[in-house]
Amino acid sequence: MEKKIADQVRATDPDIRDVFVSSNPDFVNRMEDYGNRINEGAPVRGLFEEFTETVRRVFPNTR
């Protein structure tokens, strides 16, 4: 399933090389929350650092 999702994402843009897939419900909820907060006009600057740290915790072996 992860490969199928990654292939679909890459099909949208040939410049995309790395795709990370998570089925962790807490991570999915957090990503939805970031999207909602951005849509509501929250400052992106503060969210970016929080988002980056969240991704690093879920995918620790990435660059």
PDB file of N, CA and C in Angstrom:
ATOM      1  N   MET A   1       0.819  -1.182   0.000  1.00  0.00           N
ATOM      2  CA  MET A   1       0.000   0.000   0.000  1.00  0.00           C
ATOM      3  C   MET A   1       0.872   1.259   0.000  1.00  0.00           C
ATOM      4  N   GLU A   2       1.951   1.248   0.803  1.00  0.00           N
ATOM      5  CA  GLU A   2       2.826   2.426   0.851  1.00  0.00           C
ATOM      6  C   GLU A   2       3.427   2.721  -0.518  1.00  0.00           C
ATOM      7  N   LYS A   3       3.861   1.676  -1.224  1.00  0.00           N
ATOM      8  CA  LYS A   3       4.441   1.874  -2.551  1.00  0.00           C
ATOM      9  C   LYS A   3       3.400   2.433  -3.518  1.00  0.00           C
ATOM     10  N   LYS A   4       2.193   1.937  -3.429  1.00  0.00           N
ATOM     11  CA  LYS A   4       1.128   2.417  -4.311  1.00  0.00           C
ATOM     12  C   LYS A   4       0.867   3.912  -4.069  1.00  0.00           C
ATOM     13  N   ILE A   5       0.818   4.312  -2.806  1.00  0.00           N
ATOM     14  CA  ILE A   5       0.611   5.720  -2.472  1.00  0.00           C
ATOM     15  C   ILE A   5       1.782   6.558  -2.965  1.00  0.00           C
ATOM     16  N   ALA A   6       2.999   6.097  -2.696  1.00  0.00           N
ATOM     17  CA  ALA A   6       4.188   6.839  -3.121  1.00  0.00           C
ATOM     18  C   ALA A   6       4.241   6.972  -4.640  1.00  0.00           C
ATOM     19  N   ASP A   7       3.921   5.923  -5.353  1.00  0.00           N
ATOM     20  CA  ASP A   7       3.910   5.977  -6.817  1.00  0.00           C
ATOM     21  C   ASP A   7       2.881   6.983  -7.325  1.00  0.00           C
ATOM     22  N   GLN A   8       1.726   7.017  -6.676  1.00  0.00           N
ATOM     23  CA  GLN A   8       0.667   7.953  -7.074  1.00  0.00           C
ATOM     24  C   GLN A   8       1.119   9.404  -6.855  1.00  0.00           C
ATOM     25  N   VAL A   9       1.778   9.651  -5.734  1.00  0.00           N
ATOM     26  CA  VAL A   9       2.280  11.002  -5.452  1.00  0.00           C
ATOM     27  C   VAL A   9       3.322  11.391  -6.487  1.00  0.00           C
ATOM     28  N   ARG A  10       4.251  10.498  -6.759  1.00  0.00           N
ATOM     29  CA  ARG A  10       5.306  10.796  -7.748  1.00  0.00           C
ATOM     30  C   ARG A  10       4.733  11.020  -9.141  1.00  0.00           C
ATOM     31  N   ALA A  11       3.618  10.367  -9.455  1.00  0.00           N
ATOM     32  CA  ALA A  11       3.001  10.530 -10.768  1.00  0.00           C
ATOM     33  C   ALA A  11       2.484  11.953 -10.963  1.00  0.00           C
ATOM     34  N   THR A  12       2.223  12.656  -9.869  1.00  0.00           N
ATOM     35  CA  THR A  12       1.729  14.023  -9.977  1.00  0.00           C
ATOM     36  C   THR A  12       2.825  15.019 -10.319  1.00  0.00           C
ATOM     37  N   ASP A  13       4.072  14.674  -9.993  1.00  0.00           N
ATOM     38  CA  ASP A  13       5.196  15.582 -10.247  1.00  0.00           C
ATOM     39  C   ASP A  13       6.470  14.761 -10.348  1.00  0.00           C
ATOM     40  N   PRO A  14       7.087  14.717 -11.514  1.00  0.00           N
ATOM     41  CA  PRO A  14       8.289  13.894 -11.695  1.00  0.00           C
ATOM     42  C   PRO A  14       9.491  14.349 -10.859  1.00  0.00           C
ATOM     43  N   ASP A  15       9.450  15.566 -10.308  1.00  0.00           N
ATOM     44  CA  ASP A  15      10.561  16.044  -9.485  1.00  0.00           C
ATOM     45  C   ASP A  15      10.502  15.538  -8.045  1.00  0.00           C
ATOM     46  N   ILE A  16       9.387  14.917  -7.656  1.00  0.00           N
ATOM     47  CA  ILE A  16       9.266  14.373  -6.300  1.00  0.00           C
ATOM     48  C   ILE A  16      10.037  13.060  -6.230  1.00  0.00           C
ATOM     49  N   ARG A  17      10.995  13.006  -5.318  1.00  0.00           N
ATOM     50  CA  ARG A  17      11.794  11.791  -5.161  1.00  0.00           C
ATOM     51  C   ARG A  17      11.414  11.017  -3.911  1.00  0.00           C
ATOM     52  N   ASP A  18      11.276  11.711  -2.802  1.00  0.00           N
ATOM     53  CA  ASP A  18      11.024  11.041  -1.525  1.00  0.00           C
ATOM     54  C   ASP A  18       9.588  11.251  -1.088  1.00  0.00           C
ATOM     55  N   VAL A  19       8.918  10.149  -0.772  1.00  0.00           N
ATOM     56  CA  VAL A  19       7.556  10.194  -0.258  1.00  0.00           C
ATOM     57  C   VAL A  19       7.540   9.360   1.020  1.00  0.00           C
ATOM     58  N   PHE A  20       7.033   9.947   2.089  1.00  0.00           N
ATOM     59  CA  PHE A  20       6.962   9.252   3.365  1.00  0.00           C
ATOM     60  C   PHE A  20       5.496   9.036   3.706  1.00  0.00           C
ATOM     61  N   VAL A  21       5.147   7.797   4.032  1.00  0.00           N
ATOM     62  CA  VAL A  21       3.760   7.425   4.284  1.00  0.00           C
ATOM     63  C   VAL A  21       3.643   6.941   5.727  1.00  0.00           C
ATOM     64  N   SER A  22       2.624   7.441   6.414  1.00  0.00           N
ATOM     65  CA  SER A  22       2.385   7.009   7.789  1.00  0.00           C
ATOM     66  C   SER A  22       0.912   6.700   7.972  1.00  0.00           C
ATOM     67  N   SER A  23       0.634   5.610   8.666  1.00  0.00           N
ATOM     68  CA  SER A  23      -0.744   5.286   9.027  1.00  0.00           C
ATOM     69  C   SER A  23      -0.975   5.517  10.522  1.00  0.00           C
ATOM     70  N   ASN A  24      -0.007   6.140  11.177  1.00  0.00           N
ATOM     71  CA  ASN A  24      -0.121   6.460  12.597  1.00  0.00           C
ATOM     72  C   ASN A  24      -1.241   7.483  12.777  1.00  0.00           C
ATOM     73  N   PRO A  25      -2.321   7.125  13.487  1.00  0.00           N
ATOM     74  CA  PRO A  25      -3.462   8.034  13.601  1.00  0.00           C
ATOM     75  C   PRO A  25      -3.128   9.364  14.274  1.00  0.00           C
ATOM     76  N   ASP A  26      -2.215   9.356  15.230  1.00  0.00           N
ATOM     77  CA  ASP A  26      -1.827  10.612  15.879  1.00  0.00           C
ATOM     78  C   ASP A  26      -1.130  11.542  14.886  1.00  0.00           C
ATOM     79  N   PHE A  27      -0.261  10.976  14.065  1.00  0.00           N
ATOM     80  CA  PHE A  27       0.439  11.765  13.057  1.00  0.00           C
ATOM     81  C   PHE A  27      -0.553  12.314  12.029  1.00  0.00           C
ATOM     82  N   VAL A  28      -1.464  11.484  11.572  1.00  0.00           N
ATOM     83  CA  VAL A  28      -2.468  11.908  10.593  1.00  0.00           C
ATOM     84  C   VAL A  28      -3.313  13.041  11.176  1.00  0.00           C
ATOM     85  N   ASN A  29      -3.749  12.893  12.416  1.00  0.00           N
ATOM     86  CA  ASN A  29      -4.534  13.946  13.064  1.00  0.00           C
ATOM     87  C   ASN A  29      -3.741  15.243  13.187  1.00  0.00           C
ATOM     88  N   ARG A  30      -2.468  15.129  13.512  1.00  0.00           N
ATOM     89  CA  ARG A  30      -1.631  16.323  13.647  1.00  0.00           C
ATOM     90  C   ARG A  30      -1.491  17.030  12.305  1.00  0.00           C
ATOM     91  N   MET A  31      -1.307  16.257  11.232  1.00  0.00           N
ATOM     92  CA  MET A  31      -1.187  16.870   9.896  1.00  0.00           C
ATOM     93  C   MET A  31      -2.493  17.563   9.501  1.00  0.00           C
ATOM     94  N   GLU A  32      -3.611  16.940   9.816  1.00  0.00           N
ATOM     95  CA  GLU A  32      -4.910  17.575   9.544  1.00  0.00           C
ATOM     96  C   GLU A  32      -5.047  18.869  10.335  1.00  0.00           C
ATOM     97  N   ASP A  33      -4.591  18.853  11.585  1.00  0.00           N
ATOM     98  CA  ASP A  33      -4.652  20.049  12.420  1.00  0.00           C
ATOM     99  C   ASP A  33      -3.806  21.171  11.816  1.00  0.00           C
ATOM    100  N   TYR A  34      -2.603  20.852  11.324  1.00  0.00           N
ATOM    101  CA  TYR A  34      -1.764  21.876  10.682  1.00  0.00           C
ATOM    102  C   TYR A  34      -2.500  22.495   9.492  1.00  0.00           C
ATOM    103  N   GLY A  35      -3.096  21.649   8.671  1.00  0.00           N
ATOM    104  CA  GLY A  35      -3.842  22.140   7.512  1.00  0.00           C
ATOM    105  C   GLY A  35      -4.986  23.049   7.927  1.00  0.00           C
ATOM    106  N   ASN A  36      -5.714  22.646   8.944  1.00  0.00           N
ATOM    107  CA  ASN A  36      -6.833  23.468   9.436  1.00  0.00           C
ATOM    108  C   ASN A  36      -6.346  24.812   9.967  1.00  0.00           C
ATOM    109  N   ARG A  37      -5.266  24.782  10.721  1.00  0.00           N
ATOM    110  CA  ARG A  37      -4.739  26.024  11.296  1.00  0.00           C
ATOM    111  C   ARG A  37      -4.252  26.971  10.204  1.00  0.00           C
ATOM    112  N   ILE A  38      -3.624  26.446   9.186  1.00  0.00           N
ATOM    113  CA  ILE A  38      -3.168  27.283   8.076  1.00  0.00           C
ATOM    114  C   ILE A  38      -4.368  27.872   7.341  1.00  0.00           C
ATOM    115  N   ASN A  39      -5.374  27.041   7.086  1.00  0.00           N
ATOM    116  CA  ASN A  39      -6.586  27.534   6.415  1.00  0.00           C
ATOM    117  C   ASN A  39      -7.299  28.601   7.230  1.00  0.00           C
ATOM    118  N   GLU A  40      -7.152  28.547   8.546  1.00  0.00           N
ATOM    119  CA  GLU A  40      -7.781  29.539   9.425  1.00  0.00           C
ATOM    120  C   GLU A  40      -6.941  30.800   9.565  1.00  0.00           C
ATOM    121  N   GLY A  41      -5.776  30.820   8.931  1.00  0.00           N
ATOM    122  CA  GLY A  41      -4.940  32.020   8.938  1.00  0.00           C
ATOM    123  C   GLY A  41      -3.870  32.065  10.007  1.00  0.00           C
ATOM    124  N   ALA A  42      -3.580  30.953  10.652  1.00  0.00           N
ATOM    125  CA  ALA A  42      -2.512  30.934  11.657  1.00  0.00           C
ATOM    126  C   ALA A  42      -1.186  31.262  10.977  1.00  0.00           C
ATOM    127  N   PRO A  43      -0.281  31.938  11.682  1.00  0.00           N
ATOM    128  CA  PRO A  43       1.022  32.253  11.080  1.00  0.00           C
ATOM    129  C   PRO A  43       1.796  30.984  10.748  1.00  0.00           C
ATOM    130  N   VAL A  44       2.236  30.887   9.531  1.00  0.00           N
ATOM    131  CA  VAL A  44       2.933  29.684   9.064  1.00  0.00           C
ATOM    132  C   VAL A  44       4.306  29.559   9.711  1.00  0.00           C
ATOM    133  N   ARG A  45       4.949  30.668  10.008  1.00  0.00           N
ATOM    134  CA  ARG A  45       6.303  30.625  10.572  1.00  0.00           C
ATOM    135  C   ARG A  45       6.369  29.735  11.813  1.00  0.00           C
ATOM    136  N   GLY A  46       5.509  29.928  12.765  1.00  0.00           N
ATOM    137  CA  GLY A  46       5.522  29.110  13.977  1.00  0.00           C
ATOM    138  C   GLY A  46       5.145  27.668  13.717  1.00  0.00           C
ATOM    139  N   LEU A  47       4.223  27.460  12.795  1.00  0.00           N
ATOM    140  CA  LEU A  47       3.806  26.099  12.470  1.00  0.00           C
ATOM    141  C   LEU A  47       4.905  25.317  11.777  1.00  0.00           C
ATOM    142  N   PHE A  48       5.735  26.004  11.009  1.00  0.00           N
ATOM    143  CA  PHE A  48       6.775  25.307  10.251  1.00  0.00           C
ATOM    144  C   PHE A  48       7.742  24.572  11.178  1.00  0.00           C
ATOM    145  N   GLU A  49       8.184  25.228  12.237  1.00  0.00           N
ATOM    146  CA  GLU A  49       9.110  24.588  13.169  1.00  0.00           C
ATOM    147  C   GLU A  49       8.450  23.394  13.857  1.00  0.00           C
ATOM    148  N   GLU A  50       7.204  23.581  14.258  1.00  0.00           N
ATOM    149  CA  GLU A  50       6.469  22.497  14.917  1.00  0.00           C
ATOM    150  C   GLU A  50       6.265  21.323  13.959  1.00  0.00           C
ATOM    151  N   PHE A  51       5.887  21.624  12.723  1.00  0.00           N
ATOM    152  CA  PHE A  51       5.701  20.599  11.696  1.00  0.00           C
ATOM    153  C   PHE A  51       7.003  19.822  11.467  1.00  0.00           C
ATOM    154  N   THR A  52       8.102  20.553  11.319  1.00  0.00           N
ATOM    155  CA  THR A  52       9.403  19.921  11.066  1.00  0.00           C
ATOM    156  C   THR A  52       9.777  18.967  12.188  1.00  0.00           C
ATOM    157  N   GLU A  53       9.583  19.385  13.430  1.00  0.00           N
ATOM    158  CA  GLU A  53       9.910  18.530  14.572  1.00  0.00           C
ATOM    159  C   GLU A  53       9.021  17.293  14.602  1.00  0.00           C
ATOM    160  N   THR A  54       7.752  17.450  14.300  1.00  0.00           N
ATOM    161  CA  THR A  54       6.827  16.309  14.271  1.00  0.00           C
ATOM    162  C   THR A  54       7.272  15.295  13.225  1.00  0.00           C
ATOM    163  N   VAL A  55       7.615  15.766  12.040  1.00  0.00           N
ATOM    164  CA  VAL A  55       8.049  14.868  10.967  1.00  0.00           C
ATOM    165  C   VAL A  55       9.347  14.165  11.352  1.00  0.00           C
ATOM    166  N   ARG A  56      10.264  14.878  11.970  1.00  0.00           N
ATOM    167  CA  ARG A  56      11.536  14.255  12.395  1.00  0.00           C
ATOM    168  C   ARG A  56      11.307  13.141  13.410  1.00  0.00           C
ATOM    169  N   ARG A  57      10.325  13.318  14.287  1.00  0.00           N
ATOM    170  CA  ARG A  57      10.042  12.266  15.280  1.00  0.00           C
ATOM    171  C   ARG A  57       9.426  11.039  14.644  1.00  0.00           C
ATOM    172  N   VAL A  58       8.548  11.238  13.667  1.00  0.00           N
ATOM    173  CA  VAL A  58       7.855  10.107  13.036  1.00  0.00           C
ATOM    174  C   VAL A  58       8.761   9.402  12.042  1.00  0.00           C
ATOM    175  N   PHE A  59       9.616  10.165  11.355  1.00  0.00           N
ATOM    176  CA  PHE A  59      10.520   9.597  10.347  1.00  0.00           C
ATOM    177  C   PHE A  59      11.965   9.940  10.728  1.00  0.00           C
ATOM    178  N   PRO A  60      12.500   9.350  11.795  1.00  0.00           N
ATOM    179  CA  PRO A  60      13.825   9.741  12.314  1.00  0.00           C
ATOM    180  C   PRO A  60      14.999   9.403  11.413  1.00  0.00           C
ATOM    181  N   ASN A  61      14.851   8.486  10.500  1.00  0.00           N
ATOM    182  CA  ASN A  61      15.984   8.050   9.684  1.00  0.00           C
ATOM    183  C   ASN A  61      16.103   8.787   8.363  1.00  0.00           C
ATOM    184  N   THR A  62      15.365   9.891   8.188  1.00  0.00           N
ATOM    185  CA  THR A  62      15.443  10.636   6.948  1.00  0.00           C
ATOM    186  C   THR A  62      16.509  11.720   7.062  1.00  0.00           C
ATOM    187  N   ARG A  63      16.866  12.298   5.940  1.00  0.00           N
ATOM    188  CA  ARG A  63      17.898  13.341   5.941  1.00  0.00           C
ATOM    189  C   ARG A  63      17.398  14.597   6.563  1.00  0.00           C
TER     190      ARG A  63
END
